[in-house]
Amino acid sequence: MSLSIHVAATRAFSAALLVAGLISSQAVLAEARTIKDGVFTQAQVDAGKATYDTSCKTCHDMRFYRDALKSWDGQPVLWMWETILGTMPADNPGSLMLEEYTDVVAYILSENGFPAGETALDPDGNMSDISIVAP
């Protein structure tokens, strides 16, 4: 093999390793998102409060969710959303609009001290990649 072909092959291999490293580091960064990272919007919080006040507040004090978040520590937000969707309201589970469940989750997170951000929480998009951390 000539020197120029060897150098070209070495450069191509190095470039491939660099690209693979960048891709894997992006995957690690995506997996590392938590509810501390502003993963819902203030508009979702505001809408969630309205839904919570009419559909949840009579049975659930907000302190209930502090313990629930502790038990879900390390799990994806999607699990919390699916649990609430499948069980609430107790007298008619699944009766709210999907967006209302999402907004209620944002409100619960906000009330437990987690910050709003610029990206909306979305059960079809990012919820499975966002981890719950205990308050």
N, C-alpha and C. Protein backbone atom coordinates (compact mmCIF):
# COMPACT_ATOMS: atom_id res chain seq x y z
N MET A 1 0.85 -1.16 0.00
CA MET A 1 0.00 0.00 0.00
C MET A 1 0.90 1.23 0.00
N SER A 2 0.60 2.17 -0.86
CA SER A 2 1.43 3.37 -0.92
C SER A 2 1.15 4.25 0.29
N LEU A 3 2.06 5.14 0.58
CA LEU A 3 1.95 6.02 1.74
C LEU A 3 0.72 6.91 1.65
N SER A 4 0.40 7.44 0.48
CA SER A 4 -0.76 8.33 0.35
C SER A 4 -2.07 7.58 0.57
N ILE A 5 -2.15 6.33 0.11
CA ILE A 5 -3.35 5.53 0.35
C ILE A 5 -3.46 5.21 1.84
N HIS A 6 -2.34 4.88 2.47
CA HIS A 6 -2.33 4.59 3.90
C HIS A 6 -2.77 5.81 4.71
N VAL A 7 -2.28 6.98 4.37
CA VAL A 7 -2.65 8.22 5.06
C VAL A 7 -4.14 8.50 4.86
N ALA A 8 -4.63 8.33 3.65
CA ALA A 8 -6.05 8.56 3.36
C ALA A 8 -6.92 7.58 4.15
N ALA A 9 -6.52 6.33 4.21
CA ALA A 9 -7.28 5.33 4.95
C ALA A 9 -7.28 5.65 6.45
N THR A 10 -6.14 6.07 6.96
CA THR A 10 -6.04 6.44 8.38
C THR A 10 -6.93 7.63 8.69
N ARG A 11 -6.93 8.62 7.81
CA ARG A 11 -7.79 9.80 8.01
C ARG A 11 -9.27 9.42 7.96
N ALA A 12 -9.65 8.57 7.03
CA ALA A 12 -11.04 8.14 6.91
C ALA A 12 -11.47 7.38 8.17
N PHE A 13 -10.60 6.50 8.64
CA PHE A 13 -10.91 5.74 9.85
C PHE A 13 -11.04 6.68 11.05
N SER A 14 -10.14 7.64 11.17
CA SER A 14 -10.19 8.61 12.27
C SER A 14 -11.46 9.44 12.22
N ALA A 15 -11.84 9.85 11.02
CA ALA A 15 -13.08 10.62 10.86
C ALA A 15 -14.29 9.79 11.27
N ALA A 16 -14.30 8.52 10.88
CA ALA A 16 -15.41 7.64 11.25
C ALA A 16 -15.50 7.48 12.77
N LEU A 17 -14.36 7.33 13.43
CA LEU A 17 -14.35 7.24 14.90
C LEU A 17 -14.86 8.52 15.54
N LEU A 18 -14.47 9.66 14.99
CA LEU A 18 -14.92 10.94 15.51
C LEU A 18 -16.43 11.08 15.38
N VAL A 19 -16.97 10.74 14.23
CA VAL A 19 -18.42 10.81 14.01
C VAL A 19 -19.14 9.86 14.97
N ALA A 20 -18.65 8.65 15.11
CA ALA A 20 -19.26 7.69 16.03
C ALA A 20 -19.24 8.21 17.46
N GLY A 21 -18.15 8.82 17.85
CA GLY A 21 -18.05 9.40 19.19
C GLY A 21 -19.02 10.53 19.40
N LEU A 22 -19.18 11.38 18.41
CA LEU A 22 -20.14 12.49 18.51
C LEU A 22 -21.56 11.98 18.60
N ILE A 23 -21.89 10.98 17.81
CA ILE A 23 -23.24 10.41 17.85
C ILE A 23 -23.52 9.79 19.21
N SER A 24 -22.58 9.03 19.74
CA SER A 24 -22.81 8.40 21.04
C SER A 24 -22.87 9.44 22.16
N SER A 25 -22.10 10.52 22.06
CA SER A 25 -22.17 11.55 23.10
C SER A 25 -23.50 12.28 23.03
N GLN A 26 -24.06 12.46 21.83
CA GLN A 26 -25.38 13.07 21.71
C GLN A 26 -26.44 12.17 22.33
N ALA A 27 -26.32 10.87 22.15
CA ALA A 27 -27.27 9.94 22.75
C ALA A 27 -27.20 10.00 24.26
N VAL A 28 -26.00 10.09 24.80
CA VAL A 28 -25.84 10.20 26.25
C VAL A 28 -26.47 11.49 26.75
N LEU A 29 -26.25 12.60 26.04
CA LEU A 29 -26.84 13.87 26.43
C LEU A 29 -28.36 13.80 26.39
N ALA A 30 -28.93 13.17 25.37
CA ALA A 30 -30.38 13.06 25.26
C ALA A 30 -30.93 12.23 26.41
N GLU A 31 -30.24 11.17 26.80
CA GLU A 31 -30.70 10.31 27.87
C GLU A 31 -30.58 10.98 29.23
N ALA A 32 -29.72 11.96 29.34
CA ALA A 32 -29.44 12.57 30.63
C ALA A 32 -30.43 13.67 31.01
N ARG A 33 -31.43 13.95 30.20
CA ARG A 33 -32.39 15.00 30.54
C ARG A 33 -33.26 14.57 31.71
N THR A 34 -33.51 15.51 32.61
CA THR A 34 -34.37 15.25 33.75
C THR A 34 -35.41 16.36 33.86
N ILE A 35 -36.32 16.20 34.80
CA ILE A 35 -37.36 17.21 35.00
C ILE A 35 -36.79 18.50 35.57
N LYS A 36 -35.50 18.52 35.89
CA LYS A 36 -34.84 19.76 36.32
C LYS A 36 -34.45 20.65 35.15
N ASP A 37 -34.60 20.15 33.92
CA ASP A 37 -34.07 20.82 32.74
C ASP A 37 -35.08 21.68 31.97
N GLY A 38 -36.16 22.12 32.60
CA GLY A 38 -37.13 22.97 31.90
C GLY A 38 -37.81 22.24 30.75
N VAL A 39 -38.43 21.12 31.04
CA VAL A 39 -38.96 20.24 30.00
C VAL A 39 -40.45 20.45 29.70
N PHE A 40 -41.02 21.50 30.24
CA PHE A 40 -42.42 21.87 29.98
C PHE A 40 -42.49 23.39 29.94
N THR A 41 -43.58 23.91 29.41
CA THR A 41 -43.72 25.37 29.29
C THR A 41 -44.61 25.94 30.38
N GLN A 42 -44.49 27.24 30.58
CA GLN A 42 -45.36 27.92 31.54
C GLN A 42 -46.81 27.85 31.09
N ALA A 43 -47.06 27.90 29.79
CA ALA A 43 -48.43 27.77 29.27
C ALA A 43 -49.03 26.43 29.67
N GLN A 44 -48.23 25.37 29.64
CA GLN A 44 -48.71 24.06 30.08
C GLN A 44 -49.02 24.07 31.57
N VAL A 45 -48.19 24.73 32.35
CA VAL A 45 -48.41 24.83 33.79
C VAL A 45 -49.74 25.55 34.06
N ASP A 46 -49.96 26.66 33.39
CA ASP A 46 -51.18 27.44 33.59
C ASP A 46 -52.42 26.64 33.21
N ALA A 47 -52.37 25.96 32.07
CA ALA A 47 -53.50 25.12 31.65
C ALA A 47 -53.67 23.94 32.61
N GLY A 48 -52.56 23.38 33.06
CA GLY A 48 -52.62 22.25 33.99
C GLY A 48 -53.23 22.61 35.32
N LYS A 49 -52.98 23.83 35.80
CA LYS A 49 -53.58 24.28 37.06
C LYS A 49 -55.09 24.33 36.93
N ALA A 50 -55.58 24.85 35.81
CA ALA A 50 -57.03 24.93 35.60
C ALA A 50 -57.65 23.54 35.59
N THR A 51 -57.03 22.60 34.90
CA THR A 51 -57.54 21.22 34.87
C THR A 51 -57.43 20.57 36.24
N TYR A 52 -56.31 20.76 36.90
CA TYR A 52 -56.10 20.19 38.24
C TYR A 52 -57.17 20.69 39.21
N ASP A 53 -57.43 22.01 39.16
CA ASP A 53 -58.41 22.59 40.08
C ASP A 53 -59.81 22.03 39.86
N THR A 54 -60.16 21.70 38.63
CA THR A 54 -61.51 21.20 38.37
C THR A 54 -61.61 19.67 38.43
N SER A 55 -60.52 18.95 38.17
CA SER A 55 -60.61 17.50 38.05
C SER A 55 -59.81 16.69 39.06
N CYS A 56 -58.87 17.33 39.76
CA CYS A 56 -57.95 16.56 40.61
C CYS A 56 -57.95 17.01 42.07
N LYS A 57 -58.11 18.29 42.27
CA LYS A 57 -57.90 18.91 43.59
C LYS A 57 -58.80 18.36 44.68
N THR A 58 -60.02 17.96 44.33
CA THR A 58 -60.94 17.48 45.36
C THR A 58 -60.43 16.20 46.04
N CYS A 59 -59.64 15.41 45.33
CA CYS A 59 -59.13 14.16 45.90
C CYS A 59 -57.64 14.19 46.23
N HIS A 60 -56.88 15.05 45.55
CA HIS A 60 -55.42 15.02 45.69
C HIS A 60 -54.86 16.36 46.13
N ASP A 61 -54.31 16.36 47.32
CA ASP A 61 -53.51 17.50 47.77
C ASP A 61 -52.17 17.41 47.04
N MET A 62 -51.58 18.55 46.74
CA MET A 62 -50.33 18.56 45.99
C MET A 62 -49.22 17.79 46.72
N ARG A 63 -49.29 17.68 48.04
CA ARG A 63 -48.27 16.94 48.80
C ARG A 63 -48.22 15.47 48.39
N PHE A 64 -49.35 14.95 47.93
CA PHE A 64 -49.42 13.57 47.45
C PHE A 64 -48.37 13.33 46.36
N TYR A 65 -48.19 14.29 45.49
CA TYR A 65 -47.30 14.12 44.35
C TYR A 65 -45.83 14.19 44.72
N ARG A 66 -45.51 14.85 45.82
CA ARG A 66 -44.11 14.87 46.26
C ARG A 66 -43.66 13.44 46.56
N ASP A 67 -44.48 12.69 47.28
CA ASP A 67 -44.14 11.29 47.57
C ASP A 67 -44.18 10.43 46.30
N ALA A 68 -45.14 10.71 45.42
CA ALA A 68 -45.22 9.95 44.17
C ALA A 68 -43.96 10.16 43.33
N LEU A 69 -43.50 11.41 43.26
CA LEU A 69 -42.28 11.69 42.49
C LEU A 69 -41.08 10.97 43.10
N LYS A 70 -41.03 10.86 44.41
CA LYS A 70 -39.94 10.12 45.05
C LYS A 70 -39.98 8.65 44.64
N SER A 71 -41.17 8.08 44.56
CA SER A 71 -41.27 6.67 44.20
C SER A 71 -40.97 6.42 42.72
N TRP A 72 -41.10 7.46 41.89
CA TRP A 72 -40.81 7.34 40.46
C TRP A 72 -39.39 7.81 40.13
N ASP A 73 -38.58 8.08 41.10
CA ASP A 73 -37.22 8.59 40.88
C ASP A 73 -36.48 7.70 39.88
N GLY A 74 -35.94 8.31 38.83
CA GLY A 74 -35.19 7.58 37.82
C GLY A 74 -36.03 7.03 36.68
N GLN A 75 -37.34 7.06 36.81
CA GLN A 75 -38.22 6.55 35.76
C GLN A 75 -38.53 7.66 34.75
N PRO A 76 -38.95 7.31 33.54
CA PRO A 76 -39.30 8.34 32.56
C PRO A 76 -40.62 9.03 32.93
N VAL A 77 -40.72 10.30 32.58
CA VAL A 77 -41.94 11.08 32.82
C VAL A 77 -43.13 10.40 32.15
N LEU A 78 -42.90 9.71 31.05
CA LEU A 78 -43.98 9.03 30.35
C LEU A 78 -44.70 8.05 31.27
N TRP A 79 -43.98 7.39 32.18
CA TRP A 79 -44.61 6.46 33.11
C TRP A 79 -45.60 7.20 34.01
N MET A 80 -45.21 8.35 34.50
CA MET A 80 -46.09 9.15 35.35
C MET A 80 -47.34 9.54 34.56
N TRP A 81 -47.13 10.03 33.35
CA TRP A 81 -48.24 10.45 32.49
C TRP A 81 -49.19 9.29 32.22
N GLU A 82 -48.65 8.12 31.87
CA GLU A 82 -49.48 6.95 31.58
C GLU A 82 -50.24 6.48 32.81
N THR A 83 -49.61 6.56 33.98
CA THR A 83 -50.28 6.17 35.22
C THR A 83 -51.46 7.08 35.50
N ILE A 84 -51.25 8.39 35.38
CA ILE A 84 -52.33 9.34 35.62
C ILE A 84 -53.43 9.15 34.57
N LEU A 85 -53.06 9.00 33.31
CA LEU A 85 -54.03 8.79 32.24
C LEU A 85 -54.88 7.55 32.49
N GLY A 86 -54.25 6.48 32.92
CA GLY A 86 -54.95 5.22 33.10
C GLY A 86 -55.76 5.09 34.37
N THR A 87 -55.55 6.00 35.32
CA THR A 87 -56.23 5.84 36.62
C THR A 87 -57.04 7.05 37.07
N MET A 88 -56.91 8.18 36.40
CA MET A 88 -57.55 9.41 36.86
C MET A 88 -58.40 10.05 35.77
N PRO A 89 -59.41 10.76 36.16
CA PRO A 89 -60.01 10.83 37.49
C PRO A 89 -60.54 9.46 37.91
N ALA A 90 -60.54 9.24 39.19
CA ALA A 90 -60.88 7.91 39.73
C ALA A 90 -62.26 7.44 39.27
N ASP A 91 -63.20 8.38 39.13
CA ASP A 91 -64.55 8.00 38.73
C ASP A 91 -64.72 7.86 37.22
N ASN A 92 -63.69 8.24 36.45
CA ASN A 92 -63.78 8.14 35.00
C ASN A 92 -62.38 8.22 34.37
N PRO A 93 -61.53 7.21 34.61
CA PRO A 93 -60.16 7.25 34.10
C PRO A 93 -60.10 7.44 32.58
N GLY A 94 -59.16 8.26 32.16
CA GLY A 94 -58.96 8.48 30.73
C GLY A 94 -59.95 9.44 30.10
N SER A 95 -60.77 10.10 30.91
CA SER A 95 -61.83 10.95 30.36
C SER A 95 -61.37 12.34 29.95
N LEU A 96 -60.19 12.74 30.37
CA LEU A 96 -59.68 14.05 29.97
C LEU A 96 -59.03 13.96 28.60
N MET A 97 -58.83 15.10 27.98
CA MET A 97 -58.09 15.14 26.72
C MET A 97 -56.62 14.82 27.02
N LEU A 98 -55.92 14.21 26.07
CA LEU A 98 -54.51 13.87 26.29
C LEU A 98 -53.69 15.10 26.64
N GLU A 99 -53.99 16.22 26.01
CA GLU A 99 -53.29 17.47 26.31
C GLU A 99 -53.52 17.90 27.76
N GLU A 100 -54.73 17.66 28.27
CA GLU A 100 -55.01 18.02 29.66
C GLU A 100 -54.17 17.19 30.63
N TYR A 101 -54.01 15.91 30.35
CA TYR A 101 -53.15 15.07 31.19
C TYR A 101 -51.71 15.58 31.16
N THR A 102 -51.25 15.95 29.98
CA THR A 102 -49.90 16.48 29.83
C THR A 102 -49.74 17.77 30.63
N ASP A 103 -50.73 18.64 30.53
CA ASP A 103 -50.69 19.91 31.26
C ASP A 103 -50.71 19.70 32.77
N VAL A 104 -51.49 18.73 33.23
CA VAL A 104 -51.53 18.42 34.66
C VAL A 104 -50.16 17.92 35.13
N VAL A 105 -49.50 17.10 34.34
CA VAL A 105 -48.15 16.64 34.70
C VAL A 105 -47.22 17.84 34.81
N ALA A 106 -47.29 18.77 33.86
CA ALA A 106 -46.46 19.98 33.91
C ALA A 106 -46.76 20.78 35.18
N TYR A 107 -48.02 20.91 35.52
CA TYR A 107 -48.41 21.65 36.73
C TYR A 107 -47.86 20.96 37.99
N ILE A 108 -48.00 19.65 38.06
CA ILE A 108 -47.48 18.90 39.21
C ILE A 108 -45.97 19.10 39.35
N LEU A 109 -45.26 19.00 38.24
CA LEU A 109 -43.81 19.20 38.29
C LEU A 109 -43.46 20.61 38.74
N SER A 110 -44.18 21.59 38.21
CA SER A 110 -43.93 22.98 38.59
C SER A 110 -44.19 23.21 40.08
N GLU A 111 -45.28 22.68 40.57
CA GLU A 111 -45.63 22.85 41.99
C GLU A 111 -44.64 22.16 42.92
N ASN A 112 -43.89 21.23 42.38
CA ASN A 112 -42.87 20.55 43.17
C ASN A 112 -41.48 21.13 42.97
N GLY A 113 -41.44 22.34 42.40
CA GLY A 113 -40.19 23.08 42.32
C GLY A 113 -39.38 22.92 41.05
N PHE A 114 -39.91 22.24 40.06
CA PHE A 114 -39.17 22.05 38.82
C PHE A 114 -39.50 23.18 37.85
N PRO A 115 -38.50 23.68 37.12
CA PRO A 115 -38.68 24.88 36.31
C PRO A 115 -39.34 24.63 34.95
N ALA A 116 -40.11 25.62 34.52
CA ALA A 116 -40.63 25.62 33.15
C ALA A 116 -39.50 26.01 32.21
N GLY A 117 -39.66 25.67 30.95
CA GLY A 117 -38.66 26.01 29.94
C GLY A 117 -39.32 26.41 28.64
N GLU A 118 -38.60 26.26 27.57
CA GLU A 118 -39.09 26.67 26.25
C GLU A 118 -39.72 25.52 25.46
N THR A 119 -39.43 24.29 25.84
CA THR A 119 -39.91 23.13 25.09
C THR A 119 -41.13 22.53 25.77
N ALA A 120 -42.18 22.29 25.00
CA ALA A 120 -43.39 21.70 25.55
C ALA A 120 -43.19 20.22 25.82
N LEU A 121 -43.79 19.77 26.91
CA LEU A 121 -43.83 18.35 27.22
C LEU A 121 -44.76 17.69 26.21
N ASP A 122 -44.36 16.55 25.66
CA ASP A 122 -45.13 15.92 24.59
C ASP A 122 -45.06 14.40 24.73
N PRO A 123 -46.21 13.76 25.03
CA PRO A 123 -46.18 12.30 25.20
C PRO A 123 -45.81 11.55 23.93
N ASP A 124 -46.00 12.16 22.77
CA ASP A 124 -45.62 11.51 21.52
C ASP A 124 -44.17 11.79 21.14
N GLY A 125 -43.52 12.62 21.92
CA GLY A 125 -42.16 13.01 21.56
C GLY A 125 -41.15 12.72 22.63
N ASN A 126 -41.06 13.62 23.59
CA ASN A 126 -39.89 13.62 24.46
C ASN A 126 -40.08 13.00 25.84
N MET A 127 -41.26 12.63 26.24
CA MET A 127 -41.48 12.18 27.62
C MET A 127 -40.74 10.90 27.99
N SER A 128 -40.51 10.03 27.04
CA SER A 128 -39.82 8.77 27.37
C SER A 128 -38.32 8.99 27.59
N ASP A 129 -37.81 10.15 27.17
CA ASP A 129 -36.38 10.45 27.31
C ASP A 129 -36.07 11.35 28.50
N ILE A 130 -37.08 11.71 29.27
CA ILE A 130 -36.89 12.63 30.40
C ILE A 130 -37.09 11.85 31.69
N SER A 131 -36.10 11.87 32.55
CA SER A 131 -36.16 11.12 33.82
C SER A 131 -36.73 11.98 34.94
N ILE A 132 -37.48 11.32 35.79
CA ILE A 132 -37.97 11.95 37.02
C ILE A 132 -36.85 11.90 38.04
N VAL A 133 -36.69 12.99 38.77
CA VAL A 133 -35.79 13.02 39.92
C VAL A 133 -36.62 13.44 41.12
N ALA A 134 -36.32 12.87 42.25
CA ALA A 134 -37.08 13.18 43.46
C ALA A 134 -36.91 14.65 43.83
N PRO A 135 -37.99 15.29 44.27
CA PRO A 135 -37.89 16.70 44.69
C PRO A 135 -37.07 16.86 45.95
